């Protein structure tokens, strides 16, 4: 392992044996030995479940790495193997330095011991002498701020008190590597702020941080890199903001599927018998699934061919996020814009321009419609078939990035 690499995970996999019935566990313990003794091929009485497969990455000294993914994706299993509390089935996970870890709630605490006794026990496990713990005790108790409960058995603690004390021990024993599994999600906002400020202090001292979180706002603002796990495999690892945005897009639906270029000429739509769309395109874009940034101009061109004589037309646009959220539904009527009546065979052309684009990062689909002037008759309506994506280079949360003006007064304004 290189001197500046403090955590090395190479082709790590973890397999568990899943038994359909309790008796199968006993059969697995006995029967294969008997079958082998009589010359038969040993039978397995379990199913394999791979919690992790072929996961590899290195963490350099002083880096902050976030681990994200849905529940059951293997995040906690990965942290346990790095800490050494779980052995990999394949590959290897190595860490170089004193590790302070907050894994599942209450891990490392004896419920019958008092909080104070657990502080000394955990500090000893991390390699501190009694004298070194004595010197840090006041700082640990002040940070935990659980009052007289420190001398009560931890089995009477709330989940918030558990985390306060465990986190306080972990950050006050001068760890070279701090590993946190969802601890920041427990406790009130004031304690979360205290934890984040302490983490910043440790980062400034060169502590390496590896943590699991579902709060993407914290991950985007605190992490140098982020690893995204899905079904036990590494999907992406890289800069925090783009990885979090790709993960968020995957959480809100199915990512857009690339189609051959020729498919863009086919417009799935309802058969009204009155008119049909012969063109719906992203103007200036040649990718069938273009990617825009927040603030870009999105221009959708369309052409409608009448099958019968139709009156004045109002065009509509609907934009859905990939999870089915109806993000935009607007008509040209709101802008006072109409297309003239036309004869059968005539073609009406136009475009709808979104500027600036205010949609938050995600994956989207578009439907375009044409209605009568009073919106009661559908002349034509496309299916949700034209796709596009939005990405940005800033941390984001919410559904829209609305144009804002931030106007500090003269006294508050300071140069960056």
Foldseek 3Di string as FASTA:
>chain_A
DDPFWFKWFFFFKAKDWAAPDPVLVVCQVPVQVVCVVVPHHRDHRTDIAILAGGDTDTDGFLFAEEEEEDPSLNPLVVVCQLVPVDPTPDTHMYGHWQEQEDGPQPPQADQQAALLVSLVSSLVVSPDDPVRSVVQVVQLCVQLVPPPSSRPRCVPPDSSSSLSNSLSSRLRSLTLEYEYEASLVDDDPVNNVVSVVSVVVSSVVRRYYYYYDPPLLCQLVPGQKYWYGGSNYTPDIGGSQVVSLVVVQVVLAPADDFDPQVCQQDFAWDPPQFKEKRHWDFPPDSGLAEEAEQQCKTKIKTKMATQAWAAKKKKWKWKAFRNGRTDDTDICVVVVDIHGTDGHGDMDIDMDMDGRFWFAWYKMFMKMWMAHPVRPGTSIITDRDRIYTYGYDHDDDDTTRDDDDDDDDPVPDDDD
